[in-house]
C-alpha cells in the first residue's frame, strides 16, 4: 500500500490514480480536505484519506497511525506535499520563508521522522520517495526560499538513502524525485490549459514508479522543453562553480554567459 502527501492535486493525485489502477491500497493526505474527498470518490476501492498539515509532526504521525491501522504496513511513502510562494529575496519576506520551509522542507522531514522506523520494523521491502526540484540543484536566481527548501530535501534524501542502505541492506530504500516543468496546481496557467512545454502530473507519476521499480535514486524528469541531456549539462556546470571557483550562479553571470554558451556547444547541445 502507498501513502501520498499532497494527494489532492498535481503529481500527488496523478500518482494516486496510477497506483490505484495498479491495484494498490492508498492512504491520501492533504490540507485541502474537500479536494481530497473528490479524489477518493473518483478512485473508489480501498482508499483512506486524512486532511492535515505536513508541517505539523502530530498530523503526520496521525497519518502514519491511520495507514498502519488500516492496512498493517506501508510499501511506499511518497512525501510529495509542497507549496509555491514568493520569498523572492534572501533578505525579505520572512513570513513567506517560514511558510515555504515549514511545508516544503519540514513536511518532508516530518514524513521521514514519522514513518521510517516503522517501515524498517515491518517485514519485506519498501520505499520512501521525496519530491525535490531542479531548483534545489541548479539553483536558478529568484524564489530563494523554494530553492533552499528543495536543496534541503535533496541533502536529506541522500543521507536517508545511505543510512537505509547501511541499516537494511537495501530492503528499505529512499529515492529523490526531481520533476521538470510540470503542470500542477502550483504551475497552472490562467487559461487552465497545459502549456506545450510542460509535462503532466501523470507523466511524472509514470516516470517515478518506473524508476523506483528500476532502483534509481535520482529520478530526474525532463519535460517537453528541456531534454535530459540539457538537464545533465546544466547540473554539471552548476557543480563546476564550486569545483572551479567560478562566481556564484555563473550560468546567469554576464561575464560567464559566453563561456556557458560555449560549454553547451561543446556538449553538442
C-alpha atoms as a PDB file:
ATOM      1  CA  UNK A   1       0.000   0.000   0.000  1.00  0.00           C
ATOM      2  CA  UNK A   2       1.045   3.586  -0.564  1.00  0.00           C
ATOM      3  CA  UNK A   3       0.861   6.785   1.488  1.00  0.00           C
ATOM      4  CA  UNK A   4       0.867  10.003  -0.545  1.00  0.00           C
ATOM      5  CA  UNK A   5       1.047  13.541   0.819  1.00  0.00           C
ATOM      6  CA  UNK A   6      -0.096  16.441  -1.318  1.00  0.00           C
ATOM      7  CA  UNK A   7      -2.528  13.959  -2.850  1.00  0.00           C
ATOM      8  CA  UNK A   8      -5.404  16.308  -3.663  1.00  0.00           C
ATOM      9  CA  UNK A   9      -3.903  17.657  -6.886  1.00  0.00           C
ATOM     10  CA  UNK A  10      -0.959  17.661  -9.236  1.00  0.00           C
ATOM     11  CA  UNK A  11       1.682  14.936  -9.062  1.00  0.00           C
ATOM     12  CA  UNK A  12       0.186  13.522  -5.871  1.00  0.00           C
ATOM     13  CA  UNK A  13      -3.284  12.993  -7.329  1.00  0.00           C
ATOM     14  CA  UNK A  14      -1.821  11.641 -10.570  1.00  0.00           C
ATOM     15  CA  UNK A  15       0.260   9.157  -8.591  1.00  0.00           C
ATOM     16  CA  UNK A  16      -2.796   8.103  -6.609  1.00  0.00           C
ATOM     17  CA  UNK A  17      -4.694   7.373  -9.836  1.00  0.00           C
ATOM     18  CA  UNK A  18      -1.790   5.418 -11.289  1.00  0.00           C
ATOM     19  CA  UNK A  19      -1.217   3.339  -8.168  1.00  0.00           C
ATOM     20  CA  UNK A  20      -4.934   2.691  -7.653  1.00  0.00           C
ATOM     21  CA  UNK A  21      -5.141   1.432 -11.235  1.00  0.00           C
ATOM     22  CA  UNK A  22      -2.279  -0.935 -10.403  1.00  0.00           C
ATOM     23  CA  UNK A  23      -4.321  -2.300  -7.502  1.00  0.00           C
ATOM     24  CA  UNK A  24      -2.553  -0.635  -4.594  1.00  0.00           C
ATOM     25  CA  UNK A  25      -4.337   0.341  -1.398  1.00  0.00           C
ATOM     26  CA  UNK A  26      -3.899   4.021  -0.614  1.00  0.00           C
ATOM     27  CA  UNK A  27      -3.850   6.496   2.238  1.00  0.00           C
ATOM     28  CA  UNK A  28      -4.049  10.050   0.892  1.00  0.00           C
ATOM     29  CA  UNK A  29      -3.147  13.198   2.818  1.00  0.00           C
ATOM     30  CA  UNK A  30      -3.599  16.870   2.007  1.00  0.00           C
ATOM     31  CA  UNK A  31      -4.640  20.068   3.747  1.00  0.00           C
ATOM     32  CA  UNK A  32      -7.427  20.509   1.152  1.00  0.00           C
ATOM     33  CA  UNK A  33      -9.962  18.085   2.579  1.00  0.00           C
ATOM     34  CA  UNK A  34     -12.684  18.798   0.023  1.00  0.00           C
ATOM     35  CA  UNK A  35     -10.446  18.077  -2.968  1.00  0.00           C
ATOM     36  CA  UNK A  36      -9.089  15.026  -1.185  1.00  0.00           C
ATOM     37  CA  UNK A  37     -12.617  13.645  -0.881  1.00  0.00           C
ATOM     38  CA  UNK A  38     -13.150  14.216  -4.607  1.00  0.00           C
ATOM     39  CA  UNK A  39     -10.029  12.183  -5.407  1.00  0.00           C
ATOM     40  CA  UNK A  40     -11.194   9.423  -3.061  1.00  0.00           C
ATOM     41  CA  UNK A  41     -14.624   9.313  -4.697  1.00  0.00           C
ATOM     42  CA  UNK A  42     -13.025   9.146  -8.132  1.00  0.00           C
ATOM     43  CA  UNK A  43     -10.763   6.251  -7.175  1.00  0.00           C
ATOM     44  CA  UNK A  44     -13.121   4.141  -5.105  1.00  0.00           C
ATOM     45  CA  UNK A  45     -11.599   0.913  -3.811  1.00  0.00           C
ATOM     46  CA  UNK A  46      -9.522   0.701  -0.661  1.00  0.00           C
ATOM     47  CA  UNK A  47      -8.624   4.332  -0.149  1.00  0.00           C
ATOM     48  CA  UNK A  48      -8.410   6.200   3.132  1.00  0.00           C
ATOM     49  CA  UNK A  49      -7.952   9.947   3.464  1.00  0.00           C
ATOM     50  CA  UNK A  50      -6.830  12.354   6.145  1.00  0.00           C
ATOM     51  CA  UNK A  51      -6.832  16.139   5.977  1.00  0.00           C
ATOM     52  CA  UNK A  52      -3.915  17.771   7.737  1.00  0.00           C
ATOM     53  CA  UNK A  53      -0.758  19.837   7.549  1.00  0.00           C
ATOM     54  CA  UNK A  54       2.590  18.202   6.784  1.00  0.00           C
ATOM     55  CA  UNK A  55       4.372  20.986   8.650  1.00  0.00           C
ATOM     56  CA  UNK A  56       2.842  19.636  11.871  1.00  0.00           C
ATOM     57  CA  UNK A  57       4.556  16.449  13.073  1.00  0.00           C
ATOM     58  CA  UNK A  58       1.469  15.446  15.048  1.00  0.00           C
ATOM     59  CA  UNK A  59      -0.636  15.446  11.876  1.00  0.00           C
ATOM     60  CA  UNK A  60       1.922  13.293  10.054  1.00  0.00           C
ATOM     61  CA  UNK A  61       2.074  10.876  12.987  1.00  0.00           C
ATOM     62  CA  UNK A  62      -1.703  10.586  12.757  1.00  0.00           C
ATOM     63  CA  UNK A  63      -1.253   9.760   9.080  1.00  0.00           C
ATOM     64  CA  UNK A  64       1.217   7.010   9.954  1.00  0.00           C
ATOM     65  CA  UNK A  65      -1.106   5.559  12.572  1.00  0.00           C
ATOM     66  CA  UNK A  66      -4.043   5.582  10.150  1.00  0.00           C
ATOM     67  CA  UNK A  67      -2.006   3.793   7.478  1.00  0.00           C
ATOM     68  CA  UNK A  68      -0.770   1.032   9.751  1.00  0.00           C
ATOM     69  CA  UNK A  69      -4.114   0.591  11.498  1.00  0.00           C
ATOM     70  CA  UNK A  70      -5.962   0.378   8.180  1.00  0.00           C
ATOM     71  CA  UNK A  71      -3.567  -1.800   6.199  1.00  0.00           C
ATOM     72  CA  UNK A  72      -0.881  -3.131   8.530  1.00  0.00           C
ATOM     73  CA  UNK A  73       2.100  -1.903   6.503  1.00  0.00           C
ATOM     74  CA  UNK A  74       3.400   0.801   4.165  1.00  0.00           C
ATOM     75  CA  UNK A  75       5.118  -0.245   0.930  1.00  0.00           C
ATOM     76  CA  UNK A  76       5.556   3.263  -0.470  1.00  0.00           C
ATOM     77  CA  UNK A  77       5.750   6.588   1.337  1.00  0.00           C
ATOM     78  CA  UNK A  78       5.577   9.482  -1.122  1.00  0.00           C
ATOM     79  CA  UNK A  79       6.493  12.738   0.642  1.00  0.00           C
ATOM     80  CA  UNK A  80       5.192  14.980  -2.101  1.00  0.00           C
ATOM     81  CA  UNK A  81       3.328  17.893  -0.484  1.00  0.00           C
ATOM     82  CA  UNK A  82       4.702  21.325  -1.403  1.00  0.00           C
ATOM     83  CA  UNK A  83       3.599  24.907  -1.871  1.00  0.00           C
ATOM     84  CA  UNK A  84       4.736  27.792  -4.017  1.00  0.00           C
ATOM     85  CA  UNK A  85       5.100  31.342  -2.828  1.00  0.00           C
ATOM     86  CA  UNK A  86       7.227  34.401  -3.145  1.00  0.00           C
ATOM     87  CA  UNK A  87      10.221  34.507  -0.802  1.00  0.00           C
ATOM     88  CA  UNK A  88      11.691  36.485  -3.663  1.00  0.00           C
ATOM     89  CA  UNK A  89      14.771  37.826  -1.888  1.00  0.00           C
ATOM     90  CA  UNK A  90      17.227  36.408   0.604  1.00  0.00           C
ATOM     91  CA  UNK A  91      16.729  39.356   2.955  1.00  0.00           C
ATOM     92  CA  UNK A  92      12.981  39.981   2.968  1.00  0.00           C
ATOM     93  CA  UNK A  93       9.623  38.283   3.290  1.00  0.00           C
ATOM     94  CA  UNK A  94      10.436  36.325   6.435  1.00  0.00           C
ATOM     95  CA  UNK A  95       6.836  35.077   6.792  1.00  0.00           C
ATOM     96  CA  UNK A  96       6.963  33.580   3.297  1.00  0.00           C
ATOM     97  CA  UNK A  97      10.321  31.996   4.089  1.00  0.00           C
ATOM     98  CA  UNK A  98       8.926  30.308   7.186  1.00  0.00           C
ATOM     99  CA  UNK A  99       5.766  29.147   5.416  1.00  0.00           C
ATOM    100  CA  UNK A 100       7.664  27.659   2.471  1.00  0.00           C
ATOM    101  CA  UNK A 101      10.318  25.972   4.598  1.00  0.00           C
ATOM    102  CA  UNK A 102       7.698  24.639   7.022  1.00  0.00           C
ATOM    103  CA  UNK A 103       5.859  22.796   4.244  1.00  0.00           C
ATOM    104  CA  UNK A 104       8.464  22.075   1.578  1.00  0.00           C
ATOM    105  CA  UNK A 105      11.330  21.052   3.860  1.00  0.00           C
ATOM    106  CA  UNK A 106       9.892  20.329   7.296  1.00  0.00           C
ATOM    107  CA  UNK A 107       6.969  18.499   5.723  1.00  0.00           C
ATOM    108  CA  UNK A 108       9.424  16.006   4.225  1.00  0.00           C
ATOM    109  CA  UNK A 109      11.465  15.829   7.431  1.00  0.00           C
ATOM    110  CA  UNK A 110       8.271  15.096   9.368  1.00  0.00           C
ATOM    111  CA  UNK A 111       7.341  12.327   6.947  1.00  0.00           C
ATOM    112  CA  UNK A 112      10.766  10.731   7.301  1.00  0.00           C
ATOM    113  CA  UNK A 113      10.677  11.085  11.087  1.00  0.00           C
ATOM    114  CA  UNK A 114       7.182   9.643  11.449  1.00  0.00           C
ATOM    115  CA  UNK A 115       7.404   6.677   9.076  1.00  0.00           C
ATOM    116  CA  UNK A 116      10.964   5.447   8.642  1.00  0.00           C
ATOM    117  CA  UNK A 117      11.427   3.367  11.776  1.00  0.00           C
ATOM    118  CA  UNK A 118       8.034   1.717  11.324  1.00  0.00           C
ATOM    119  CA  UNK A 119       8.963   0.837   7.744  1.00  0.00           C
ATOM    120  CA  UNK A 120      12.282  -0.596   8.911  1.00  0.00           C
ATOM    121  CA  UNK A 121      10.480  -2.666  11.540  1.00  0.00           C
ATOM    122  CA  UNK A 122       7.996  -4.240   9.122  1.00  0.00           C
ATOM    123  CA  UNK A 123       8.874  -7.266   7.038  1.00  0.00           C
ATOM    124  CA  UNK A 124       9.583  -7.062   3.316  1.00  0.00           C
ATOM    125  CA  UNK A 125      10.803  -4.301   1.052  1.00  0.00           C
ATOM    126  CA  UNK A 126       9.509  -0.751   0.935  1.00  0.00           C
ATOM    127  CA  UNK A 127      10.464   2.649  -0.453  1.00  0.00           C
ATOM    128  CA  UNK A 128      10.409   6.309   0.533  1.00  0.00           C
ATOM    129  CA  UNK A 129      10.181   8.846  -2.303  1.00  0.00           C
ATOM    130  CA  UNK A 130      10.728  12.543  -1.585  1.00  0.00           C
ATOM    131  CA  UNK A 131       9.824  15.186  -4.143  1.00  0.00           C
ATOM    132  CA  UNK A 132      12.671  17.589  -4.791  1.00  0.00           C
ATOM    133  CA  UNK A 133      13.153  20.051  -7.637  1.00  0.00           C
ATOM    134  CA  UNK A 134      15.766  21.094 -10.160  1.00  0.00           C
ATOM    135  CA  UNK A 135      15.625  24.457  -8.394  1.00  0.00           C
ATOM    136  CA  UNK A 136      17.266  22.758  -5.432  1.00  0.00           C
ATOM    137  CA  UNK A 137      20.133  21.528  -7.633  1.00  0.00           C
ATOM    138  CA  UNK A 138      20.968  24.132 -10.292  1.00  0.00           C
ATOM    139  CA  UNK A 139      19.638  26.930  -8.049  1.00  0.00           C
ATOM    140  CA  UNK A 140      18.371  29.459 -10.615  1.00  0.00           C
ATOM    141  CA  UNK A 141      18.040  33.063  -9.392  1.00  0.00           C
ATOM    142  CA  UNK A 142      14.713  34.046  -7.880  1.00  0.00           C
ATOM    143  CA  UNK A 143      12.486  32.314  -5.321  1.00  0.00           C
ATOM    144  CA  UNK A 144      15.368  31.508  -2.951  1.00  0.00           C
ATOM    145  CA  UNK A 145      13.094  30.146  -0.203  1.00  0.00           C
ATOM    146  CA  UNK A 146      11.752  27.463  -2.535  1.00  0.00           C
ATOM    147  CA  UNK A 147      15.268  26.637  -3.783  1.00  0.00           C
ATOM    148  CA  UNK A 148      16.647  26.399  -0.241  1.00  0.00           C
ATOM    149  CA  UNK A 149      13.829  24.070   0.814  1.00  0.00           C
ATOM    150  CA  UNK A 150      14.309  21.779  -2.178  1.00  0.00           C
ATOM    151  CA  UNK A 151      18.099  21.771  -1.743  1.00  0.00           C
ATOM    152  CA  UNK A 152      17.450  20.607   1.809  1.00  0.00           C
ATOM    153  CA  UNK A 153      15.185  17.825   0.542  1.00  0.00           C
ATOM    154  CA  UNK A 154      17.974  16.649  -1.780  1.00  0.00           C
ATOM    155  CA  UNK A 155      20.523  16.509   1.038  1.00  0.00           C
ATOM    156  CA  UNK A 156      18.085  14.849   3.433  1.00  0.00           C
ATOM    157  CA  UNK A 157      17.152  12.180   0.911  1.00  0.00           C
ATOM    158  CA  UNK A 158      20.784  11.423   0.042  1.00  0.00           C
ATOM    159  CA  UNK A 159      21.551  10.994   3.735  1.00  0.00           C
ATOM    160  CA  UNK A 160      18.446   8.862   4.201  1.00  0.00           C
ATOM    161  CA  UNK A 161      19.310   6.590   1.283  1.00  0.00           C
ATOM    162  CA  UNK A 162      22.791   5.946   2.637  1.00  0.00           C
ATOM    163  CA  UNK A 163      21.562   5.314   6.174  1.00  0.00           C
ATOM    164  CA  UNK A 164      18.852   2.922   4.983  1.00  0.00           C
ATOM    165  CA  UNK A 165      21.349   1.026   2.846  1.00  0.00           C
ATOM    166  CA  UNK A 166      23.586   0.604   5.898  1.00  0.00           C
ATOM    167  CA  UNK A 167      20.674  -0.260   8.207  1.00  0.00           C
ATOM    168  CA  UNK A 168      18.600  -2.563   5.999  1.00  0.00           C
ATOM    169  CA  UNK A 169      20.912  -3.651   3.193  1.00  0.00           C
ATOM    170  CA  UNK A 170      18.550  -2.196   0.601  1.00  0.00           C
ATOM    171  CA  UNK A 171      15.342  -3.709   1.975  1.00  0.00           C
ATOM    172  CA  UNK A 172      14.061  -0.177   2.595  1.00  0.00           C
ATOM    173  CA  UNK A 173      15.163   2.377   0.012  1.00  0.00           C
ATOM    174  CA  UNK A 174      14.946   6.125  -0.493  1.00  0.00           C
ATOM    175  CA  UNK A 175      14.586   7.976  -3.799  1.00  0.00           C
ATOM    176  CA  UNK A 176      14.646  11.625  -4.893  1.00  0.00           C
ATOM    177  CA  UNK A 177      12.017  12.606  -7.458  1.00  0.00           C
ATOM    178  CA  UNK A 178      13.153  15.645  -9.450  1.00  0.00           C
ATOM    179  CA  UNK A 179      10.330  16.937 -11.657  1.00  0.00           C
ATOM    180  CA  UNK A 180      10.941  19.296 -14.525  1.00  0.00           C
ATOM    181  CA  UNK A 181       8.382  21.830 -15.650  1.00  0.00           C
ATOM    182  CA  UNK A 182       5.148  20.143 -14.611  1.00  0.00           C
ATOM    183  CA  UNK A 183       1.560  21.310 -14.999  1.00  0.00           C
ATOM    184  CA  UNK A 184       0.255  21.228 -11.419  1.00  0.00           C
ATOM    185  CA  UNK A 185      -1.806  23.368  -9.100  1.00  0.00           C
ATOM    186  CA  UNK A 186       1.315  25.470  -8.432  1.00  0.00           C
ATOM    187  CA  UNK A 187       2.184  25.947 -12.098  1.00  0.00           C
ATOM    188  CA  UNK A 188      -1.178  26.082 -13.897  1.00  0.00           C
ATOM    189  CA  UNK A 189      -1.577  28.880 -16.394  1.00  0.00           C
ATOM    190  CA  UNK A 190      -4.570  31.262 -16.178  1.00  0.00           C
ATOM    191  CA  UNK A 191      -6.318  29.582 -19.104  1.00  0.00           C
ATOM    192  CA  UNK A 192      -6.267  26.252 -17.302  1.00  0.00           C
ATOM    193  CA  UNK A 193      -4.564  24.517 -20.218  1.00  0.00           C
ATOM    194  CA  UNK A 194      -1.280  22.634 -20.019  1.00  0.00           C
ATOM    195  CA  UNK A 195       1.489  24.590 -21.741  1.00  0.00           C
ATOM    196  CA  UNK A 196       3.096  22.698 -24.594  1.00  0.00           C
ATOM    197  CA  UNK A 197       6.466  22.736 -22.854  1.00  0.00           C
ATOM    198  CA  UNK A 198       5.267  21.171 -19.602  1.00  0.00           C
ATOM    199  CA  UNK A 199       4.858  17.560 -18.607  1.00  0.00           C
ATOM    200  CA  UNK A 200       1.616  16.459 -16.996  1.00  0.00           C
ATOM    201  CA  UNK A 201       1.425  15.131 -13.465  1.00  0.00           C
ATOM    202  CA  UNK A 202       0.614  11.747 -14.980  1.00  0.00           C
ATOM    203  CA  UNK A 203       3.897  11.711 -16.905  1.00  0.00           C
ATOM    204  CA  UNK A 204       5.857  12.478 -13.745  1.00  0.00           C
ATOM    205  CA  UNK A 205       3.966   9.780 -11.827  1.00  0.00           C
ATOM    206  CA  UNK A 206       4.732   7.235 -14.525  1.00  0.00           C
ATOM    207  CA  UNK A 207       8.418   8.169 -14.512  1.00  0.00           C
ATOM    208  CA  UNK A 208       8.518   7.949 -10.714  1.00  0.00           C
ATOM    209  CA  UNK A 209       7.003   4.466 -10.478  1.00  0.00           C
ATOM    210  CA  UNK A 210       9.085   3.165 -13.394  1.00  0.00           C
ATOM    211  CA  UNK A 211      12.395   4.384 -11.981  1.00  0.00           C
ATOM    212  CA  UNK A 212      11.686   3.404  -8.357  1.00  0.00           C
ATOM    213  CA  UNK A 213      10.997  -0.114  -9.635  1.00  0.00           C
ATOM    214  CA  UNK A 214      14.292   0.020 -11.559  1.00  0.00           C
ATOM    215  CA  UNK A 215      16.116   1.038  -8.375  1.00  0.00           C
ATOM    216  CA  UNK A 216      17.188   4.567  -9.372  1.00  0.00           C
ATOM    217  CA  UNK A 217      17.913   7.018  -6.588  1.00  0.00           C
ATOM    218  CA  UNK A 218      17.855  10.215  -8.669  1.00  0.00           C
ATOM    219  CA  UNK A 219      14.655  10.286 -10.720  1.00  0.00           C
ATOM    220  CA  UNK A 220      15.351  13.258 -12.973  1.00  0.00           C
ATOM    221  CA  UNK A 221      12.384  14.144 -15.172  1.00  0.00           C
ATOM    222  CA  UNK A 222      12.753  16.019 -18.440  1.00  0.00           C
ATOM    223  CA  UNK A 223       9.848  17.949 -19.917  1.00  0.00           C
ATOM    224  CA  UNK A 224       8.738  18.922 -23.398  1.00  0.00           C
ATOM    225  CA  UNK A 225      11.062  21.924 -23.423  1.00  0.00           C
ATOM    226  CA  UNK A 226      14.258  20.700 -21.727  1.00  0.00           C
ATOM    227  CA  UNK A 227      15.839  17.363 -22.615  1.00  0.00           C
ATOM    228  CA  UNK A 228      17.606  15.018 -20.240  1.00  0.00           C
ATOM    229  CA  UNK A 229      20.897  15.890 -21.947  1.00  0.00           C
ATOM    230  CA  UNK A 230      20.445  19.621 -21.310  1.00  0.00           C
ATOM    231  CA  UNK A 231      19.479  18.920 -17.699  1.00  0.00           C
ATOM    232  CA  UNK A 232      22.633  16.876 -17.189  1.00  0.00           C
ATOM    233  CA  UNK A 233      24.811  19.590 -18.754  1.00  0.00           C
ATOM    234  CA  UNK A 234      23.298  22.274 -16.542  1.00  0.00           C
ATOM    235  CA  UNK A 235      23.837  20.147 -13.432  1.00  0.00           C
ATOM    236  CA  UNK A 236      27.497  19.544 -14.340  1.00  0.00           C
ATOM    237  CA  UNK A 237      28.020  23.284 -14.934  1.00  0.00           C
ATOM    238  CA  UNK A 238      26.438  24.167 -11.583  1.00  0.00           C
ATOM    239  CA  UNK A 239      28.730  21.724  -9.764  1.00  0.00           C
ATOM    240  CA  UNK A 240      31.668  23.287 -11.600  1.00  0.00           C
ATOM    241  CA  UNK A 241      31.012  26.674  -9.996  1.00  0.00           C
ATOM    242  CA  UNK A 242      32.367  25.267  -6.739  1.00  0.00           C
ATOM    243  CA  UNK A 243      34.988  22.925  -8.174  1.00  0.00           C
ATOM    244  CA  UNK A 244      36.453  25.641 -10.432  1.00  0.00           C
ATOM    245  CA  UNK A 245      35.884  28.616  -8.101  1.00  0.00           C
ATOM    246  CA  UNK A 246      33.639  30.485 -10.512  1.00  0.00           C
ATOM    247  CA  UNK A 247      31.249  33.208  -9.315  1.00  0.00           C
ATOM    248  CA  UNK A 248      28.068  32.007  -7.651  1.00  0.00           C
ATOM    249  CA  UNK A 249      25.372  31.087 -10.191  1.00  0.00           C
ATOM    250  CA  UNK A 250      27.828  31.745 -13.011  1.00  0.00           C
ATOM    251  CA  UNK A 251      25.363  30.383 -15.565  1.00  0.00           C
ATOM    252  CA  UNK A 252      23.444  33.662 -15.139  1.00  0.00           C
ATOM    253  CA  UNK A 253      26.515  35.904 -14.618  1.00  0.00           C
ATOM    254  CA  UNK A 254      27.048  38.329 -17.536  1.00  0.00           C
ATOM    255  CA  UNK A 255      30.818  37.729 -17.520  1.00  0.00           C
ATOM    256  CA  UNK A 256      30.280  33.978 -17.909  1.00  0.00           C
ATOM    257  CA  UNK A 257      27.387  33.899 -20.384  1.00  0.00           C
ATOM    258  CA  UNK A 258      29.684  33.273 -23.322  1.00  0.00           C
ATOM    259  CA  UNK A 259      31.571  30.511 -21.520  1.00  0.00           C
ATOM    260  CA  UNK A 260      28.344  28.746 -20.671  1.00  0.00           C
ATOM    261  CA  UNK A 261      27.127  29.011 -24.260  1.00  0.00           C
ATOM    262  CA  UNK A 262      30.445  27.593 -25.486  1.00  0.00           C
ATOM    263  CA  UNK A 263      30.168  24.789 -22.938  1.00  0.00           C
ATOM    264  CA  UNK A 264      26.744  23.787 -24.245  1.00  0.00           C
ATOM    265  CA  UNK A 265      28.033  23.882 -27.809  1.00  0.00           C
ATOM    266  CA  UNK A 266      30.903  21.662 -26.776  1.00  0.00           C
ATOM    267  CA  UNK A 267      28.398  19.207 -25.347  1.00  0.00           C
ATOM    268  CA  UNK A 268      26.628  19.116 -28.693  1.00  0.00           C
ATOM    269  CA  UNK A 269      23.589  20.935 -27.280  1.00  0.00           C
END
